Amino acid sequence: MQDLKITLIQSDLHWEEIEANLAMFEEKIWQIGANTTDVIVLPEMFTTGFTMNAPRLAEHMNMRTFKWMKQMADQTGALILGSYIVRVHDRYYNRLLWMEPGGVYRTYDKRHLFRMDNEHKTYAAGESLLIGTWKGWRICPLVCYDLRFPVWSRNKWDHAAKKLSYDVMIYVANWPTIRIDAWNTLLRARAIENLSYVVGVNRVGQDGSGVEYNGNSAVISPKGDPIFTNEGMETTRTLELNANALHAFRDRFPAYLDADDFVIEFEEYEESDQITG
């Protein structure tokens, strides 16, 4: 397990303009260069902004954005992470795509839907956590509002394998300026309680609904210390996560050995409660 280079792209977004956003991010990714980073992280709904206009903007899997992410992963040699609007049959998902070079991919559907903006009336909730392995690191990607729910992301100790579930948790987001103090606090809390690196990638600018975003994308150490944060401006930044520092801290402070066991139970929802349109 070597150190992991991770690139955060904090950007403004073109409101509900998929082609414009893909072109913009392609230029930003092109400037990173090939084989210079291990992971590239894009914001939540990076092709549209945080919109409830899913019937017009949703894509089927294996189409435009999917193919674009495969191309970007192949060109850079990096894992690409970001969420966009996907339609599966008659349901819409705020779906994070994990795309590796060569086309190996995984998906995570946002579990916690932001009801204060009626996201739960437009999109269907995910029911499974994604923990993947890349470059020897176990990575758990999540989406925005998921940050407020620590049980869903709890880093569990596997007694048989003698290891924690993941080494770094990555949040992609459209988190407004008005609640940015909560974003900053919760990123640190998730790092502290899970003894893992936490990465948060947020957007900047104003969306089509008039909501303001000031970024504050960050990398937090397993101790809860900010390694990097950027407020208010577009930025593309590559940082290195130190594997030795992670393992050394977990060895010195194995709080996970005293964690409570629990099981997550899912409620049954009627389809009308999950999605409209």
Protein backbone atom coordinates (compact mmCIF):
# COMPACT_ATOMS: atom_id res chain seq x y z
CA MET A 1 0.00 0.00 0.00
CA GLN A 2 1.77 3.11 -1.29
CA ASP A 3 0.80 6.75 -0.76
CA LEU A 4 -2.27 7.76 -2.77
CA LYS A 5 -2.32 10.84 -5.00
CA ILE A 6 -5.80 12.33 -5.14
CA THR A 7 -6.94 15.30 -7.25
CA LEU A 8 -9.86 17.49 -6.17
CA ILE A 9 -11.61 19.55 -8.85
CA GLN A 10 -13.61 22.36 -7.24
CA SER A 11 -15.51 24.15 -9.99
CA ASP A 12 -18.49 26.24 -10.91
CA LEU A 13 -21.06 24.36 -13.01
CA HIS A 14 -23.11 25.27 -16.08
CA TRP A 15 -26.74 24.96 -14.99
CA GLU A 16 -28.40 21.95 -16.66
CA GLU A 17 -25.94 21.99 -19.58
CA ILE A 18 -24.40 18.55 -19.82
CA GLU A 19 -22.22 19.13 -22.88
CA ALA A 20 -20.83 22.40 -21.50
CA ASN A 21 -19.88 20.76 -18.21
CA LEU A 22 -18.26 17.77 -19.87
CA ALA A 23 -16.21 20.08 -22.08
CA MET A 24 -15.18 22.21 -19.09
CA PHE A 25 -14.11 19.25 -16.95
CA GLU A 26 -12.32 17.65 -19.88
CA GLU A 27 -10.15 20.75 -20.17
CA LYS A 28 -9.45 20.75 -16.42
CA ILE A 29 -8.57 17.05 -16.47
CA TRP A 30 -6.38 17.52 -19.54
CA GLN A 31 -4.35 20.08 -17.57
CA ILE A 32 -3.69 17.48 -14.84
CA GLY A 33 -1.87 15.29 -17.34
CA ALA A 34 -1.52 11.53 -17.75
CA ASN A 35 -0.24 9.27 -14.99
CA THR A 36 0.29 12.11 -12.50
CA THR A 37 -2.48 11.21 -10.05
CA ASP A 38 -4.28 8.10 -8.80
CA VAL A 39 -7.81 9.44 -8.19
CA ILE A 40 -9.72 12.38 -9.69
CA VAL A 41 -12.83 13.56 -7.82
CA LEU A 42 -15.61 15.64 -9.40
CA PRO A 43 -18.56 17.28 -7.56
CA GLU A 44 -22.07 15.90 -7.13
CA MET A 45 -24.22 16.11 -10.28
CA PHE A 46 -21.19 17.51 -12.07
CA THR A 47 -22.93 17.49 -15.47
CA THR A 48 -25.98 19.57 -14.45
CA GLY A 49 -25.79 21.08 -10.99
CA PHE A 50 -28.16 19.93 -8.23
CA THR A 51 -31.44 19.86 -10.12
CA MET A 52 -34.78 18.10 -9.78
CA ASN A 53 -35.28 18.23 -13.56
CA ALA A 54 -34.45 14.54 -13.89
CA PRO A 55 -37.00 13.64 -16.62
CA ARG A 56 -35.24 15.98 -19.06
CA LEU A 57 -31.63 15.48 -17.98
CA ALA A 58 -31.34 11.83 -16.94
CA GLU A 59 -29.14 9.50 -18.96
CA HIS A 60 -29.23 5.74 -19.33
CA MET A 61 -26.15 3.87 -18.19
CA ASN A 62 -23.41 3.28 -20.77
CA MET A 63 -24.31 6.47 -22.61
CA ARG A 64 -22.77 9.94 -22.90
CA THR A 65 -21.39 10.67 -19.39
CA PHE A 66 -20.48 7.04 -18.78
CA LYS A 67 -18.44 6.92 -22.01
CA TRP A 68 -16.86 10.30 -21.21
CA MET A 69 -15.72 9.11 -17.77
CA LYS A 70 -14.24 5.97 -19.31
CA GLN A 71 -12.32 8.13 -21.79
CA MET A 72 -11.03 10.39 -19.01
CA ALA A 73 -9.94 7.41 -16.90
CA ASP A 74 -8.15 5.85 -19.85
CA GLN A 75 -6.38 9.10 -20.74
CA THR A 76 -5.20 9.88 -17.20
CA GLY A 77 -4.65 6.37 -15.84
CA ALA A 78 -6.65 7.47 -12.79
CA LEU A 79 -9.81 6.37 -11.04
CA ILE A 80 -12.56 8.96 -11.75
CA LEU A 81 -15.38 9.60 -9.25
CA GLY A 82 -18.43 11.86 -9.65
CA SER A 83 -22.23 11.68 -9.59
CA TYR A 84 -24.78 12.44 -12.29
CA ILE A 85 -28.45 11.75 -13.06
CA VAL A 86 -29.19 8.22 -14.27
CA ARG A 87 -32.46 6.64 -15.37
CA VAL A 88 -33.08 2.94 -14.80
CA HIS A 89 -36.46 1.85 -16.17
CA ASP A 90 -38.92 4.33 -14.61
CA ARG A 91 -36.69 5.49 -11.76
CA TYR A 92 -34.10 8.24 -11.46
CA TYR A 93 -30.95 8.03 -9.36
CA ASN A 94 -28.34 10.50 -8.15
CA ARG A 95 -25.67 7.96 -9.08
CA LEU A 96 -21.97 8.12 -8.29
CA LEU A 97 -19.88 6.37 -10.91
CA TRP A 98 -16.56 4.73 -10.00
CA MET A 99 -14.68 4.45 -13.29
CA GLU A 100 -11.27 2.82 -13.59
CA PRO A 101 -8.95 2.88 -16.61
CA GLY A 102 -9.92 0.04 -18.91
CA GLY A 103 -13.63 0.41 -18.24
CA VAL A 104 -14.03 -1.46 -14.95
CA TYR A 105 -16.73 0.44 -13.07
CA ARG A 106 -18.95 0.39 -10.01
CA THR A 107 -21.90 2.51 -8.93
CA TYR A 108 -23.25 3.99 -5.72
CA ASP A 109 -26.74 5.49 -5.57
CA LYS A 110 -27.12 8.30 -3.04
CA ARG A 111 -28.78 6.82 0.01
CA HIS A 112 -29.91 9.95 1.86
CA LEU A 113 -32.00 12.22 -0.34
CA PHE A 114 -32.28 15.88 0.59
CA ARG A 115 -35.97 16.22 1.42
CA MET A 116 -35.70 19.96 2.09
CA ASP A 117 -35.36 20.31 -1.69
CA ASN A 118 -37.74 17.39 -2.43
CA GLU A 119 -34.94 15.22 -3.76
CA HIS A 120 -36.72 12.20 -2.28
CA LYS A 121 -39.74 12.91 -4.50
CA THR A 122 -37.68 12.87 -7.67
CA TYR A 123 -34.96 10.29 -7.07
CA ALA A 124 -34.92 6.74 -5.70
CA ALA A 125 -32.68 6.04 -2.72
CA GLY A 126 -29.77 3.63 -2.90
CA GLU A 127 -29.69 0.57 -0.67
CA SER A 128 -26.06 -0.54 -0.67
CA LEU A 129 -22.74 0.96 0.31
CA LEU A 130 -19.83 0.89 -2.12
CA ILE A 131 -16.34 0.11 -0.84
CA GLY A 132 -13.83 -0.49 -3.61
CA THR A 133 -10.09 -1.07 -3.75
CA TRP A 134 -7.74 1.03 -5.84
CA LYS A 135 -3.94 1.15 -5.67
CA GLY A 136 -4.14 -0.90 -2.47
CA TRP A 137 -6.46 1.60 -0.75
CA ARG A 138 -9.99 0.73 0.32
CA ILE A 139 -12.19 3.66 -0.71
CA CYS A 140 -15.77 4.47 0.32
CA PRO A 141 -17.42 7.14 -1.90
CA LEU A 142 -20.60 8.89 -0.74
CA VAL A 143 -22.79 11.80 -1.87
CA CYS A 144 -23.44 15.14 -0.13
CA TYR A 145 -26.35 14.73 2.36
CA ASP A 146 -24.97 11.28 3.28
CA LEU A 147 -22.42 13.23 5.32
CA ARG A 148 -25.02 13.92 8.02
CA PHE A 149 -25.66 10.22 8.74
CA PRO A 150 -22.73 8.56 10.53
CA VAL A 151 -24.27 5.10 10.93
CA TRP A 152 -24.39 4.59 7.16
CA SER A 153 -20.68 5.28 6.79
CA ARG A 154 -19.38 3.63 9.98
CA ASN A 155 -15.94 2.10 9.49
CA LYS A 156 -16.35 -1.41 10.90
CA TRP A 157 -13.58 -3.64 12.18
CA ASP A 158 -13.49 -7.07 10.54
CA HIS A 159 -12.24 -9.38 13.30
CA ALA A 160 -11.55 -12.26 10.92
CA ALA A 161 -9.62 -10.19 8.37
CA LYS A 162 -8.17 -7.91 11.08
CA LYS A 163 -8.79 -4.73 9.14
CA LEU A 164 -11.19 -1.81 8.92
CA SER A 165 -13.67 -1.53 6.06
CA TYR A 166 -11.96 1.41 4.36
CA ASP A 167 -8.98 3.77 4.46
CA VAL A 168 -10.45 6.89 2.88
CA MET A 169 -14.01 8.20 2.60
CA ILE A 170 -14.79 10.55 -0.30
CA TYR A 171 -17.82 12.87 -0.42
CA VAL A 172 -18.91 14.55 -3.65
CA ALA A 173 -21.28 17.44 -3.02
CA ASN A 174 -23.32 20.49 -3.93
CA TRP A 175 -23.29 21.87 -0.35
CA PRO A 176 -24.57 25.48 -0.09
CA THR A 177 -22.67 28.33 1.52
CA ILE A 178 -25.46 28.91 4.04
CA ARG A 179 -24.71 25.53 5.68
CA ILE A 180 -20.96 25.38 5.08
CA ASP A 181 -20.11 25.35 8.80
CA ALA A 182 -21.92 22.02 9.06
CA TRP A 183 -19.94 20.70 6.08
CA ASN A 184 -16.63 21.68 7.67
CA THR A 185 -17.56 20.21 11.05
CA LEU A 186 -19.00 16.96 9.75
CA LEU A 187 -16.05 16.20 7.47
CA ARG A 188 -13.78 16.38 10.52
CA ALA A 189 -16.20 14.34 12.62
CA ARG A 190 -16.37 11.53 10.04
CA ALA A 191 -12.55 11.39 9.93
CA ILE A 192 -12.20 11.29 13.72
CA GLU A 193 -14.84 8.66 14.41
CA ASN A 194 -13.75 6.38 11.55
CA LEU A 195 -9.96 6.81 11.87
CA SER A 196 -9.70 7.37 8.14
CA TYR A 197 -8.82 10.08 5.68
CA VAL A 198 -11.86 12.05 4.52
CA VAL A 199 -12.01 13.94 1.24
CA GLY A 200 -14.84 16.35 0.39
CA VAL A 201 -15.25 17.90 -3.06
CA ASN A 202 -17.83 20.67 -3.30
CA ARG A 203 -18.70 23.14 -6.05
CA VAL A 204 -18.52 26.95 -6.17
CA GLY A 205 -20.69 29.60 -7.84
CA GLN A 206 -24.45 30.01 -8.08
CA ASP A 207 -26.88 27.48 -9.51
CA GLY A 208 -30.02 28.07 -11.57
CA SER A 209 -32.15 28.18 -8.41
CA GLY A 210 -30.09 31.05 -7.02
CA VAL A 211 -28.29 28.91 -4.42
CA GLU A 212 -24.74 30.03 -3.61
CA TYR A 213 -21.80 27.65 -3.10
CA ASN A 214 -18.35 28.53 -1.78
CA GLY A 215 -16.57 25.20 -2.07
CA ASN A 216 -14.52 24.48 1.06
CA SER A 217 -13.37 21.25 -0.56
CA ALA A 218 -11.05 19.57 1.88
CA VAL A 219 -8.77 16.70 2.80
CA ILE A 220 -8.92 15.72 6.49
CA SER A 221 -6.42 13.50 8.30
CA PRO A 222 -7.50 10.47 10.39
CA LYS A 223 -6.89 12.66 13.47
CA GLY A 224 -9.40 15.21 12.19
CA ASP A 225 -6.81 17.80 11.16
CA PRO A 226 -7.39 19.70 7.89
CA ILE A 227 -4.59 18.89 5.44
CA PHE A 228 -6.08 21.08 2.72
CA THR A 229 -9.09 23.31 2.26
CA ASN A 230 -10.05 25.87 -0.36
CA GLU A 231 -12.85 28.41 -0.09
CA GLY A 232 -14.57 30.47 -2.72
CA MET A 233 -12.63 29.86 -5.92
CA GLU A 234 -12.23 27.27 -8.61
CA THR A 235 -9.22 25.07 -8.03
CA THR A 236 -7.67 21.80 -9.14
CA ARG A 237 -5.38 20.42 -6.46
CA THR A 238 -3.49 17.14 -6.13
CA LEU A 239 -2.51 15.94 -2.66
CA GLU A 240 -0.89 12.79 -1.32
CA LEU A 241 -2.45 10.61 1.38
CA ASN A 242 0.26 9.05 3.54
CA ALA A 243 -0.25 5.32 4.07
CA ASN A 244 2.34 4.98 6.83
CA ALA A 245 0.81 7.83 8.82
CA LEU A 246 -2.62 6.21 8.56
CA HIS A 247 -1.45 2.81 9.79
CA ALA A 248 0.74 4.27 12.52
CA PHE A 249 -2.14 6.30 13.96
CA ARG A 250 -4.51 3.33 13.86
CA ASP A 251 -1.93 1.21 15.68
CA ARG A 252 -1.40 3.85 18.38
CA PHE A 253 -5.09 4.64 18.83
CA PRO A 254 -7.21 1.53 18.03
CA ALA A 255 -10.57 2.95 19.14
CA TYR A 256 -12.28 0.79 16.51
CA LEU A 257 -11.71 -2.25 18.77
CA ASP A 258 -14.20 -0.79 21.26
CA ALA A 259 -16.89 0.12 18.70
CA ASP A 260 -20.47 -1.09 19.09
CA ASP A 261 -21.80 -3.71 16.70
CA PHE A 262 -25.00 -2.93 14.82
CA VAL A 263 -27.03 -3.92 11.77
CA ILE A 264 -28.75 -1.47 9.41
CA GLU A 265 -32.36 -2.40 8.67
CA PHE A 266 -34.08 -0.97 5.61
CA GLU A 267 -37.67 0.23 5.58
CA GLU A 268 -39.97 -0.70 2.73
CA TYR A 269 -41.17 2.25 0.66
CA GLU A 270 -43.97 2.47 -1.82
CA GLU A 271 -42.78 3.55 -5.27
CA SER A 272 -44.95 6.67 -5.05
CA ASP A 273 -42.93 7.72 -2.00
CA GLN A 274 -39.64 7.31 -3.83
CA ILE A 275 -40.07 8.99 -7.19
CA THR A 276 -42.38 11.09 -9.30
CA GLY A 277 -42.24 12.11 -12.93
